[in-house]
Protein backbone atom coordinates (compact mmCIF):
# COMPACT_ATOMS: atom_id res chain seq x y z
CA MET A 1 6.84 7.51 7.35
CA THR A 2 4.29 6.53 4.89
CA GLY A 3 1.30 7.71 3.14
CA THR A 4 -2.21 7.19 4.86
CA LEU A 5 -3.49 3.76 3.96
CA LYS A 6 -7.39 4.02 3.04
CA HIS A 7 -9.93 2.85 3.50
CA PHE A 8 -10.35 0.24 6.36
CA SER A 9 -11.93 -1.93 5.85
CA ALA A 10 -14.51 -3.74 3.24
CA ASN A 11 -14.32 -0.51 1.01
CA ASN A 12 -15.60 -1.78 -2.39
CA GLN A 13 -18.04 0.59 -3.87
CA GLU A 14 -18.50 4.53 -4.34
CA ALA A 15 -22.22 4.36 -4.51
CA HIS A 16 -23.74 5.28 -1.28
CA ARG A 17 -20.57 4.88 0.65
CA HIS A 18 -21.46 6.84 3.24
CA ASP A 19 -24.42 4.59 4.14
CA ILE A 20 -23.44 1.14 2.85
CA ASP A 21 -23.29 -1.68 5.47
CA SER A 22 -20.72 -4.36 4.38
CA VAL A 23 -21.92 -7.51 5.94
CA VAL A 24 -19.24 -9.86 5.64
CA SER A 25 -18.03 -13.32 7.45
CA LYS A 26 -15.04 -13.28 9.63
CA ARG A 27 -13.02 -15.87 7.16
CA ALA A 28 -13.82 -13.14 4.20
CA LEU A 29 -12.66 -10.15 6.25
CA ARG A 30 -9.49 -12.19 7.35
CA GLU A 31 -8.79 -13.57 3.92
CA ILE A 32 -9.50 -10.78 1.42
CA TYR A 33 -10.31 -7.50 2.98
CA LEU A 34 -8.08 -7.22 6.27
CA LYS A 35 -5.23 -9.26 4.52
CA GLY A 36 -3.82 -6.28 2.36
CA PHE A 37 -3.74 -3.92 5.56
CA GLU A 38 -1.80 -6.49 7.60
CA MET A 39 0.78 -6.85 5.12
CA ALA A 40 0.86 -2.88 4.79
CA VAL A 41 1.28 -2.44 8.55
CA LYS A 42 3.69 -5.71 8.92
CA GLU A 43 5.91 -5.28 6.40
CA GLY A 44 5.69 -1.87 5.28
CA ARG A 45 5.47 -0.46 8.69
CA ALA A 46 2.37 2.03 7.70
CA THR A 47 1.78 4.59 10.34
CA SER A 48 -1.38 6.29 9.25
CA ILE A 49 -4.42 4.40 8.52
CA MET A 50 -8.12 5.93 7.55
CA THR A 51 -11.27 4.24 8.15
CA THR A 52 -14.51 4.17 5.56
CA TYR A 53 -17.74 6.23 5.68
CA GLY A 54 -19.59 3.15 5.87
CA ALA A 55 -20.01 0.28 8.44
CA VAL A 56 -18.77 -3.51 8.56
CA ASN A 57 -21.47 -5.59 9.94
CA GLY A 58 -23.61 -2.86 11.33
CA ILE A 59 -20.96 -0.55 12.90
CA TRP A 60 -19.44 2.16 11.02
CA THR A 61 -15.86 1.40 10.77
CA ALA A 62 -14.84 4.86 12.34
CA GLY A 63 -16.19 3.45 15.79
CA LEU A 64 -15.39 -0.23 15.04
CA TYR A 65 -13.49 -1.26 18.24
CA ASP A 66 -12.70 -4.86 16.80
CA GLN A 67 -11.05 -3.54 13.74
CA ASN A 68 -9.33 -0.35 15.21
CA THR A 69 -8.15 -1.52 18.27
CA ARG A 70 -8.61 -5.42 18.83
CA ILE A 71 -7.14 -6.56 15.31
CA LEU A 72 -5.04 -3.56 13.99
CA ARG A 73 -3.24 -2.41 17.17
CA ASP A 74 -3.56 -5.74 19.59
CA GLU A 75 -2.94 -8.35 16.71
CA TRP A 76 -0.72 -6.58 14.22
CA GLY A 77 1.09 -4.34 16.44
CA PHE A 78 0.29 -0.92 14.65
CA GLU A 79 1.51 2.14 16.56
CA GLY A 80 0.57 4.81 14.55
CA ILE A 81 -2.77 6.85 14.01
CA VAL A 82 -6.20 6.14 12.78
CA MET A 83 -8.19 9.39 11.40
CA THR A 84 -12.04 9.12 9.96
CA ASP A 85 -12.69 10.07 6.18
CA TRP A 86 -13.88 13.65 5.97
CA TRP A 87 -16.97 14.12 8.20
CA ALA A 88 -17.64 10.04 8.63
CA LYS A 89 -20.52 9.18 10.65
CA VAL A 90 -20.04 6.87 13.87
CA ASN A 91 -22.11 4.78 16.07
CA PHE A 92 -21.50 2.61 19.18
CA ARG A 93 -23.72 -0.60 18.33
CA GLU A 94 -25.63 -2.43 15.57
CA ASP A 95 -28.87 -1.17 16.73
CA GLU A 96 -27.73 2.49 16.79
CA SER A 97 -28.12 5.07 14.05
CA ALA A 98 -24.99 6.60 12.91
CA ASN A 99 -23.98 10.38 13.06
CA ARG A 100 -21.32 12.95 12.67
CA GLN A 101 -21.05 14.15 16.22
CA ASN A 102 -20.71 10.65 17.82
CA THR A 103 -16.96 11.29 18.17
CA ALA A 104 -17.17 9.73 21.76
CA ALA A 105 -17.65 6.03 19.74
CA MET A 106 -14.41 6.94 17.63
CA VAL A 107 -12.90 7.76 20.84
CA ARG A 108 -13.50 4.64 22.47
CA SER A 109 -12.75 2.43 19.11
CA GLN A 110 -9.26 4.08 18.91
CA ASN A 111 -9.89 6.14 15.96
CA ASP A 112 -7.55 9.05 17.18
CA LEU A 113 -8.60 12.00 14.47
CA TYR A 114 -11.77 13.33 13.39
CA MET A 115 -11.49 14.95 9.85
CA VAL A 116 -12.21 17.57 9.44
CA VAL A 117 -13.43 20.08 12.55
CA ASP A 118 -13.46 23.76 12.20
CA ARG A 119 -12.64 25.50 15.57
CA PRO A 120 -12.34 22.40 17.82
CA ASP A 121 -11.99 24.66 21.18
CA LEU A 122 -15.40 26.19 20.32
CA ASN A 123 -16.88 22.81 19.71
CA SER A 124 -18.24 24.23 16.31
CA PHE A 125 -19.18 20.86 15.02
CA GLU A 126 -21.05 20.22 18.40
CA ASP A 127 -19.72 16.78 18.97
CA ASN A 128 -20.54 14.62 22.13
CA THR A 129 -16.90 13.94 23.43
CA MET A 130 -16.67 16.42 26.14
CA ALA A 131 -20.30 15.41 26.95
CA SER A 132 -19.84 11.98 26.95
CA LEU A 133 -16.57 12.42 29.27
CA GLU A 134 -18.66 14.20 31.97
CA GLU A 135 -21.21 11.41 31.86
CA GLY A 136 -18.52 8.72 32.17
CA VAL A 137 -19.50 7.34 28.49
CA VAL A 138 -15.43 7.87 27.60
CA THR A 139 -12.75 7.86 29.88
CA ARG A 140 -9.75 10.60 30.36
CA GLY A 141 -7.66 7.83 29.96
CA GLU A 142 -8.96 6.91 26.23
CA LEU A 143 -8.75 10.40 25.68
CA LEU A 144 -4.83 10.44 26.83
CA ARG A 145 -4.32 7.14 24.47
CA SER A 146 -5.26 8.90 21.34
CA ALA A 147 -3.24 11.90 22.25
CA ARG A 148 -0.49 9.80 22.88
CA ASN A 149 -1.04 8.25 19.42
CA ILE A 150 -0.82 11.51 17.75
CA CYS A 151 1.89 12.86 19.67
CA SER A 152 4.34 9.86 18.94
CA PHE A 153 3.37 9.95 15.31
CA ILE A 154 4.40 13.28 15.17
CA LEU A 155 7.44 13.02 16.99
CA LYS A 156 8.74 9.81 14.63
CA SER A 157 7.92 11.98 11.45
CA PRO A 158 10.32 13.32 9.11
CA ALA A 159 8.73 16.77 9.60
CA MET A 160 9.71 16.93 13.05
CA GLU A 161 13.13 15.50 12.67
CA ARG A 162 13.65 18.42 10.11
CA LEU A 163 12.40 21.09 12.52
CA LEU A 164 14.86 19.62 15.21
CA GLY A 165 17.63 19.48 12.45
CA ILE A 166 18.44 15.78 12.74
CA HIS A 167 17.02 14.78 9.16
CA ASP A 168 18.87 15.50 6.19
CA GLY A 169 15.66 15.35 3.84
CA SER A 170 16.63 11.72 2.41
CA VAL A 171 14.10 8.83 1.80
CA GLU A 172 14.19 5.46 2.50
CA VAL A 173 12.93 3.17 0.20
CA LEU A 174 11.38 -0.06 1.63
CA GLY A 175 11.91 -3.46 0.00
CA PHE A 176 15.26 -2.48 -2.12
CA GLU A 177 18.10 -2.67 0.65
CA ASP A 178 20.37 -4.72 -1.60
CA GLU A 179 23.51 -2.68 -2.47
CA THR A 180 22.98 -3.59 -6.05
CA ASN A 181 19.85 -1.46 -5.97
CA GLN A 182 22.09 1.33 -5.35
CA GLN A 183 24.13 0.59 -8.51
CA ASP A 184 24.93 4.04 -10.80
CA THR A 185 23.06 3.56 -13.92
CA PHE A 186 26.13 4.81 -15.70
CA GLU A 187 28.35 1.75 -14.49
CA LEU A 188 26.27 -0.85 -16.36
CA ASP A 189 26.69 -1.63 -19.76
CA TYR A 190 23.45 -1.21 -22.07
CA GLN A 191 22.66 -4.29 -24.10
CA HIS A 192 21.52 -2.92 -27.67
CA LEU A 193 18.12 -5.04 -28.56
CA GLU A 194 16.81 -5.30 -32.31
CA ASN A 195 12.80 -5.29 -32.07
CA GLY A 196 11.75 -8.61 -30.61
CA GLU A 197 15.12 -9.69 -29.09
CA HIS A 198 15.60 -11.04 -25.70
CA VAL A 199 17.70 -10.62 -22.47
CA ASP A 200 19.25 -13.76 -21.13
CA LEU A 201 17.94 -14.26 -17.33
CA SER A 202 18.98 -17.65 -16.81
CA GLY A 203 20.92 -18.18 -13.70
CA ILE A 204 19.80 -14.92 -11.72
CA ASP A 205 19.17 -14.78 -7.86
CA THR A 206 15.23 -14.83 -7.45
CA SER A 207 15.06 -15.18 -4.11
CA THR A 208 12.62 -13.33 -1.82
CA GLY A 209 13.38 -9.64 -1.86
CA ASN A 210 15.96 -9.86 -4.45
CA THR A 211 16.63 -7.30 -7.69
CA HIS A 212 18.23 -7.84 -10.76
CA VAL A 213 19.64 -4.81 -12.15
CA PHE A 214 20.56 -4.27 -15.94
CA ALA A 215 19.95 -1.95 -18.84
CA ILE A 216 19.17 -2.01 -22.45
CA SER A 217 18.77 0.57 -25.61
CA VAL A 218 16.36 0.30 -28.11
CA ASP A 219 16.07 2.05 -31.54
CA GLN A 220 12.33 3.46 -31.01
CA THR A 221 10.71 5.02 -27.90
CA GLY A 222 6.98 3.77 -27.38
CA THR A 223 5.05 1.35 -25.95
CA TYR A 224 6.62 -2.30 -25.68
CA ASP A 225 5.03 -5.72 -25.00
CA ILE A 226 7.56 -7.12 -22.42
CA THR A 227 7.50 -11.06 -22.27
CA LEU A 228 8.96 -12.44 -19.22
CA THR A 229 9.47 -16.34 -19.73
CA ALA A 230 9.45 -18.39 -16.22
CA ARG A 231 8.79 -21.83 -14.60
CA SER A 232 8.10 -23.21 -10.99
CA ASN A 233 7.67 -26.31 -9.20
CA ALA A 234 5.72 -24.48 -6.51
CA GLY A 235 1.78 -25.81 -6.62
CA GLU A 236 -0.83 -23.97 -8.55
CA TRP A 237 -2.09 -21.89 -5.86
CA ALA A 238 1.17 -20.25 -5.37
CA GLN A 239 1.75 -16.70 -6.45
CA MET A 240 4.98 -15.38 -7.28
CA PRO A 241 5.18 -11.27 -8.25
CA VAL A 242 7.84 -10.17 -10.12
CA THR A 243 7.78 -6.48 -10.63
CA LEU A 244 9.71 -4.49 -13.35
CA PHE A 245 10.68 -1.19 -12.93
CA ALA A 246 11.78 1.14 -15.80
CA ASN A 247 13.90 3.81 -14.96
CA ASN A 248 13.01 3.65 -11.48
CA ILE A 249 9.40 3.67 -12.16
CA PRO A 250 7.05 0.88 -11.36
CA GLY A 251 6.11 -0.59 -14.92
CA ALA A 252 4.53 -3.67 -14.90
CA THR A 253 4.04 -6.61 -12.36
CA PHE A 254 3.94 -10.44 -13.69
CA THR A 255 2.57 -12.75 -11.25
CA PHE A 256 2.98 -16.50 -12.14
CA ASN A 257 1.69 -19.63 -10.38
CA GLY A 258 2.87 -22.98 -10.11
CA THR A 259 3.80 -24.27 -13.54
CA ASP A 260 4.84 -28.12 -13.02
CA GLY A 261 8.14 -26.98 -13.85
CA GLU A 262 6.97 -26.17 -17.45
CA TRP A 263 8.09 -22.92 -19.21
CA VAL A 264 5.33 -20.32 -19.31
CA THR A 265 5.14 -16.61 -20.46
CA GLN A 266 3.65 -13.68 -19.41
CA THR A 267 3.34 -10.34 -21.68
CA LYS A 268 2.67 -6.80 -19.91
CA GLU A 269 2.68 -3.10 -22.17
CA VAL A 270 5.37 -0.55 -20.49
CA PHE A 271 6.07 2.66 -22.05
CA PHE A 272 9.93 3.63 -22.83
CA LEU A 273 10.04 7.31 -23.08
CA ASN A 274 13.90 6.83 -23.88
CA GLN A 275 16.06 4.96 -25.92
CA HIS A 276 18.28 4.08 -23.36
CA ASN A 277 16.51 2.26 -20.19
CA TYR A 278 17.93 1.19 -16.73
CA LEU A 279 15.82 -1.65 -15.71
CA GLN A 280 15.13 -3.71 -12.40
CA LEU A 281 13.13 -6.95 -11.86
CA TYR A 282 12.11 -7.41 -8.08
CA PHE A 283 11.17 -10.98 -6.99
CA ALA A 284 8.70 -10.21 -3.94
CA LEU A 285 8.63 -14.31 -3.32
CA SER A 286 11.13 -16.93 -4.23
CA GLY A 287 10.15 -19.84 -5.95
CA LEU A 288 10.50 -19.10 -9.44
CA GLU A 289 13.23 -19.47 -12.28
CA VAL A 290 13.38 -17.30 -14.94
CA LYS A 291 14.85 -17.82 -18.65
CA ASP A 292 14.77 -14.65 -20.52
CA VAL A 293 12.71 -11.29 -21.19
CA SER A 294 11.79 -9.68 -24.83
CA PHE A 295 10.96 -6.46 -25.73
CA THR A 296 8.84 -6.07 -28.81
CA LEU A 297 8.04 -2.40 -30.21
CA ALA A 298 3.89 -2.32 -30.10
CA ASP A 299 3.23 1.08 -30.61
CA GLU A 300 5.90 3.69 -31.66
CA PHE A 301 6.22 7.21 -30.02
CA SER A 302 7.27 10.18 -31.93
CA MET A 303 7.36 13.73 -30.74
CA LYS A 304 4.83 14.48 -33.86
CA ASN A 305 1.95 12.30 -32.84
CA GLY A 306 2.76 12.27 -29.18
């Protein structure tokens, strides 16, 4: 179970977001605006997605069949639910104005939930779902399809499992299956560092999905400049992100390109509230060799000025 991904898709501005029509080529959509959602669905196993207020190439995304069914479900294999943004507008075609009552277009696109409706049993919002069903604009099967998506989502949720007494309340963290990640922090030896000292990382496993765990102690709490030294023989367009978790909280992400085998450095700021710190380096993609990481105090923190 995940949070709800939003806003799907090409949602890049707040001004006039209810009315904006993002005119985007198919290639740009695929390579830029849809790619993150595709990764979240395929790799993150997302189960809930929210469409935008606006349109993509003339059709408001709440009713965009190509996006919500053909790409999301048919191509990516998404099996969760899709919902609108709060009181979003919908249309069927580019030459048709969008409005908040056109829920028939939403159903046709396999956008399952309209948010938010008061007293749906009385149709207080005066949407066109039932009228469109009677006119044959939408079918009973299309309504059942969305009902199935919603019911399946609920039945697979931890809330349902807790209700049935088959879930213990634990949470699965994706991407950290290695037993090393579960290591008790008290089993680690804390390496005390003077200001500016480094931790040797040569020879550690940087393969895709691996996490390197270590612990340090420092004399002062505060903001530290953390410098990671690495190299790669990959091409210049390669991207190899490394995320530093400080005391189980994401602190910074270093993204390296290919370096032609030359050592390069990247520096990020991370705040240490504690003098003793449990650290993890998570390697999202292989191809990187790391040398060391240094910690230099940039801004001291004390209770007096904190």
